[in-house]
N, C-alpha and C. Protein backbone atom coordinates (compact mmCIF):
# COMPACT_ATOMS: atom_id res chain seq x y z
N MET A 1 89.51 127.92 156.35
CA MET A 1 89.44 128.62 157.17
C MET A 1 90.66 129.55 156.53
N VAL A 2 89.52 130.40 155.81
CA VAL A 2 89.99 131.20 154.43
C VAL A 2 90.50 132.34 155.01
N ARG A 3 92.13 132.71 153.21
CA ARG A 3 93.44 133.03 153.65
C ARG A 3 93.00 134.53 153.08
N PRO A 4 93.33 135.72 154.05
CA PRO A 4 93.19 136.44 153.27
C PRO A 4 93.35 137.10 151.11
N LEU A 5 93.37 137.72 150.56
CA LEU A 5 93.69 137.48 149.21
C LEU A 5 95.59 137.81 149.59
N LEU A 6 95.71 139.31 149.76
CA LEU A 6 97.38 139.46 149.28
C LEU A 6 98.00 139.27 151.02
N ALA A 7 97.77 137.39 151.95
CA ALA A 7 98.36 137.32 152.87
C ALA A 7 100.16 136.97 152.51
N LEU A 8 100.96 136.85 152.93
CA LEU A 8 102.13 136.66 152.62
C LEU A 8 102.70 136.58 154.68
N GLU A 9 103.19 135.26 154.52
CA GLU A 9 103.93 135.83 156.00
C GLU A 9 104.85 136.38 156.21
N ASN A 10 105.60 136.42 157.07
CA ASN A 10 107.10 137.07 157.25
C ASN A 10 108.21 137.00 156.66
N ARG A 11 108.30 135.82 157.03
CA ARG A 11 109.87 134.16 156.58
C ARG A 11 109.09 135.06 154.89
N THR A 12 108.04 134.98 154.37
CA THR A 12 108.79 135.40 152.78
C THR A 12 108.65 136.48 152.45
N VAL A 13 107.99 137.56 153.26
CA VAL A 13 108.49 139.01 151.93
C VAL A 13 110.57 139.21 152.87
N ALA A 14 110.84 138.59 153.85
CA ALA A 14 111.57 138.45 154.89
C ALA A 14 112.76 138.42 153.08
N LEU A 15 112.48 136.84 152.74
CA LEU A 15 113.50 136.27 151.75
C LEU A 15 113.51 136.82 150.50
N ALA A 16 112.66 137.25 150.59
CA ALA A 16 112.60 138.70 149.34
C ALA A 16 112.76 139.54 149.27
N LEU A 17 112.67 140.42 149.95
CA LEU A 17 114.09 141.25 150.23
C LEU A 17 115.18 141.21 150.30
N CYS A 18 115.12 139.88 150.72
CA CYS A 18 117.02 139.55 151.36
C CYS A 18 117.47 139.37 149.29
N VAL A 19 116.43 138.83 148.71
CA VAL A 19 116.99 138.09 147.33
C VAL A 19 117.30 139.49 145.98
N VAL A 20 116.13 140.33 146.81
CA VAL A 20 116.55 142.21 146.11
C VAL A 20 117.65 142.87 146.35
N ALA A 21 117.87 142.53 147.73
CA ALA A 21 119.00 143.67 147.70
C ALA A 21 120.52 142.55 147.72
N LEU A 22 120.35 141.56 146.81
CA LEU A 22 120.96 140.35 146.52
C LEU A 22 121.23 141.17 145.08
N ALA A 23 120.33 141.17 144.85
CA ALA A 23 120.26 141.69 143.19
C ALA A 23 121.18 143.03 143.17
N GLY A 24 121.01 143.66 144.03
CA GLY A 24 121.39 145.28 143.91
C GLY A 24 122.61 145.28 143.98
N VAL A 25 123.00 144.55 144.80
CA VAL A 25 124.86 144.26 146.11
C VAL A 25 125.14 143.74 143.90
N ALA A 26 124.45 142.55 143.33
CA ALA A 26 125.03 142.12 141.88
C ALA A 26 125.37 142.90 140.91
N GLY A 27 123.99 143.40 140.82
CA GLY A 27 124.19 144.29 139.78
C GLY A 27 125.33 145.67 139.70
N ALA A 28 125.57 146.12 141.08
CA ALA A 28 126.71 147.38 140.97
C ALA A 28 128.00 146.21 141.07
N ILE A 29 127.66 145.43 141.94
CA ILE A 29 129.58 145.01 141.01
C ILE A 29 129.92 144.90 139.65
N ALA A 30 128.30 144.53 138.72
CA ALA A 30 128.63 144.91 137.93
C ALA A 30 128.64 146.14 137.48
N GLY A 31 127.84 146.89 137.21
CA GLY A 31 127.73 148.16 137.21
C GLY A 31 129.90 148.29 137.29
N PHE A 32 130.52 147.73 137.99
CA PHE A 32 131.69 148.66 138.94
C PHE A 32 132.76 147.71 137.31
N VAL A 33 132.79 146.68 137.76
CA VAL A 33 133.84 146.21 136.68
C VAL A 33 132.61 146.22 135.17
N LEU A 34 132.19 146.21 134.91
CA LEU A 34 132.06 146.09 133.09
C LEU A 34 132.35 147.00 131.99
N PRO A 35 132.39 148.02 133.05
CA PRO A 35 133.13 149.60 131.96
C PRO A 35 134.42 148.93 132.06
N ASP A 36 135.73 148.11 132.76
CA ASP A 36 136.76 147.88 132.56
C ASP A 36 137.22 146.79 131.22
N ILE A 37 136.36 145.66 131.76
CA ILE A 37 135.90 144.94 130.70
C ILE A 37 135.65 145.94 129.22
N ILE A 38 134.43 146.59 129.24
CA ILE A 38 133.67 146.49 127.43
C ILE A 38 135.01 148.16 126.95
N GLY A 39 135.84 148.35 127.85
CA GLY A 39 136.22 149.73 127.53
C GLY A 39 135.28 151.22 127.54
N THR A 40 133.76 151.49 128.15
CA THR A 40 133.45 152.30 127.90
C THR A 40 132.51 152.43 129.49
N THR A 41 132.49 153.61 129.65
CA THR A 41 131.05 153.91 130.33
C THR A 41 129.76 154.21 129.97
N GLU A 42 129.35 154.56 127.54
CA GLU A 42 128.54 154.46 127.45
C GLU A 42 127.71 153.56 126.94
N PRO A 43 128.50 152.41 127.18
CA PRO A 43 127.60 150.68 125.59
C PRO A 43 126.16 151.18 125.00
N THR A 44 125.87 150.78 123.37
CA THR A 44 125.53 151.59 122.34
C THR A 44 124.66 150.12 122.67
N VAL A 45 123.46 150.23 122.50
CA VAL A 45 122.78 148.96 122.33
C VAL A 45 121.26 149.33 121.67
N ALA A 46 121.12 148.30 120.58
CA ALA A 46 120.46 148.72 119.43
C ALA A 46 119.27 150.58 119.34
N ALA A 47 121.18 151.39 119.55
CA ALA A 47 121.25 152.24 118.96
C ALA A 47 120.30 153.68 119.85
N ILE A 48 120.70 152.22 121.30
CA ILE A 48 119.90 153.74 122.80
C ILE A 48 121.82 153.26 123.24
N THR A 49 122.11 154.57 123.47
CA THR A 49 123.14 154.50 124.77
C THR A 49 122.54 155.12 126.12
N PHE A 50 122.99 154.47 126.70
CA PHE A 50 122.76 154.23 128.76
C PHE A 50 124.71 154.42 128.80
N GLU A 51 124.59 154.33 130.15
CA GLU A 51 125.60 155.36 131.36
C GLU A 51 125.79 154.08 131.87
N LEU A 52 126.63 153.27 132.79
CA LEU A 52 126.65 152.29 132.61
C LEU A 52 127.76 152.50 134.26
N SER A 53 127.33 152.38 135.58
CA SER A 53 127.55 152.34 136.76
C SER A 53 127.62 152.00 137.43
N PRO A 54 127.80 151.91 138.44
CA PRO A 54 127.24 150.91 139.57
C PRO A 54 125.93 150.97 139.65
N LEU A 55 125.83 152.50 140.28
CA LEU A 55 123.92 153.14 140.32
C LEU A 55 123.29 152.64 139.54
N MET A 56 124.34 152.28 138.47
CA MET A 56 122.72 151.97 137.34
C MET A 56 122.27 150.49 137.77
N GLY A 57 123.52 149.79 137.65
CA GLY A 57 122.96 148.26 137.31
C GLY A 57 122.78 147.84 138.86
N ALA A 58 122.68 148.32 139.86
CA ALA A 58 121.99 148.68 141.34
C ALA A 58 120.53 148.62 140.97
N LEU A 59 120.36 149.85 140.55
CA LEU A 59 118.99 150.18 140.06
C LEU A 59 118.17 149.39 138.93
N TYR A 60 118.76 148.85 138.32
CA TYR A 60 118.28 147.60 137.18
C TYR A 60 118.33 146.03 138.12
N GLY A 61 119.17 145.94 138.65
CA GLY A 61 118.76 144.42 139.43
C GLY A 61 117.77 144.17 140.55
N ILE A 62 118.23 145.37 141.41
CA ILE A 62 116.13 145.68 142.18
C ILE A 62 115.02 145.97 141.04
N VAL A 63 115.02 146.67 140.39
CA VAL A 63 114.23 147.21 139.84
C VAL A 63 113.14 145.58 138.69
N ALA A 64 114.21 144.70 137.69
CA ALA A 64 113.98 143.92 137.92
C ALA A 64 113.39 142.71 138.53
N THR A 65 114.20 142.44 139.39
CA THR A 65 114.27 141.10 140.45
C THR A 65 113.09 141.64 140.92
N ALA A 66 112.77 142.72 141.45
CA ALA A 66 111.64 143.58 142.49
C ALA A 66 109.92 143.44 141.23
N THR A 67 110.56 143.43 140.01
CA THR A 67 109.36 142.90 139.00
C THR A 67 108.69 141.31 139.56
N PHE A 68 110.24 140.86 138.63
CA PHE A 68 109.37 139.71 138.57
C PHE A 68 109.69 138.31 140.05
N LEU A 69 109.57 138.99 141.28
CA LEU A 69 108.91 138.53 141.95
C LEU A 69 107.38 138.69 142.88
N VAL A 70 107.11 140.40 142.12
CA VAL A 70 105.96 140.71 142.22
C VAL A 70 105.22 139.87 141.11
N THR A 71 104.96 140.30 140.23
CA THR A 71 104.67 139.11 139.01
C THR A 71 104.61 137.81 138.88
N LEU A 72 105.52 137.24 140.09
CA LEU A 72 104.99 136.01 140.36
C LEU A 72 104.03 135.17 141.05
N ALA A 73 104.63 136.23 142.28
CA ALA A 73 103.61 136.75 143.88
C ALA A 73 101.76 136.33 142.87
N ALA A 74 101.43 137.01 142.65
CA ALA A 74 100.42 137.31 141.76
C ALA A 74 99.69 136.34 141.33
N VAL A 75 100.67 135.79 139.99
CA VAL A 75 100.14 134.92 139.55
C VAL A 75 99.86 133.63 140.70
N LEU A 76 100.47 133.43 141.48
CA LEU A 76 100.51 132.76 142.56
C LEU A 76 99.44 132.76 144.00
N VAL A 77 99.81 134.02 144.16
CA VAL A 77 97.63 134.01 145.33
C VAL A 77 96.22 134.00 143.96
N ALA A 78 97.15 134.45 142.68
CA ALA A 78 95.73 134.28 141.39
C ALA A 78 95.14 132.84 141.63
N VAL A 79 96.05 131.57 140.67
CA VAL A 79 95.71 130.61 140.83
C VAL A 79 95.57 129.94 142.64
N SER A 80 95.61 130.41 143.70
CA SER A 80 95.85 129.34 144.37
C SER A 80 94.03 130.33 145.10
N ALA A 81 94.32 131.19 145.10
CA ALA A 81 92.14 131.59 144.82
C ALA A 81 91.49 130.90 144.34
N LEU A 82 92.24 130.98 142.84
CA LEU A 82 90.56 129.76 141.09
C LEU A 82 90.89 128.29 142.18
N GLU A 83 91.92 128.02 142.77
CA GLU A 83 92.13 126.67 143.02
C GLU A 83 91.00 126.33 144.39
N ASP A 84 90.83 127.79 145.47
CA ASP A 84 90.61 127.31 146.72
C ASP A 84 89.09 127.93 146.04
N GLU A 85 88.58 128.58 144.64
CA GLU A 85 86.82 128.52 144.82
C GLU A 85 86.49 127.72 144.65
N THR A 86 87.45 126.68 143.56
CA THR A 86 86.93 125.38 142.18
C THR A 86 86.58 123.89 143.23
N LEU A 87 87.08 124.50 144.81
CA LEU A 87 87.29 123.11 145.46
C LEU A 87 86.79 122.66 146.34
N GLU A 88 86.48 123.99 146.49
CA GLU A 88 85.08 123.99 147.82
C GLU A 88 83.53 123.19 147.34
N PRO A 89 82.88 123.19 148.26
CA PRO A 89 81.56 122.02 147.57
C PRO A 89 80.66 123.67 147.36
């Protein structure tokens, strides 16, 4: 039986959403705690100044984690499709 290219189980999607939400919460906590630790709300990294807040931390955590998971899923789907093609007689 051939599975559709983007067939994902409900559990996999739910787990990915939970991981992304957890990354958002961790980013928000980091955005809340880090300004007190480093002593400023606008740190500069490589001549780029950015605002450090719970919202920005959560947004960064969500975007970074979601990008990683989507890339990982795409690679796994591509490898699975290639493997299915090479194994068929």
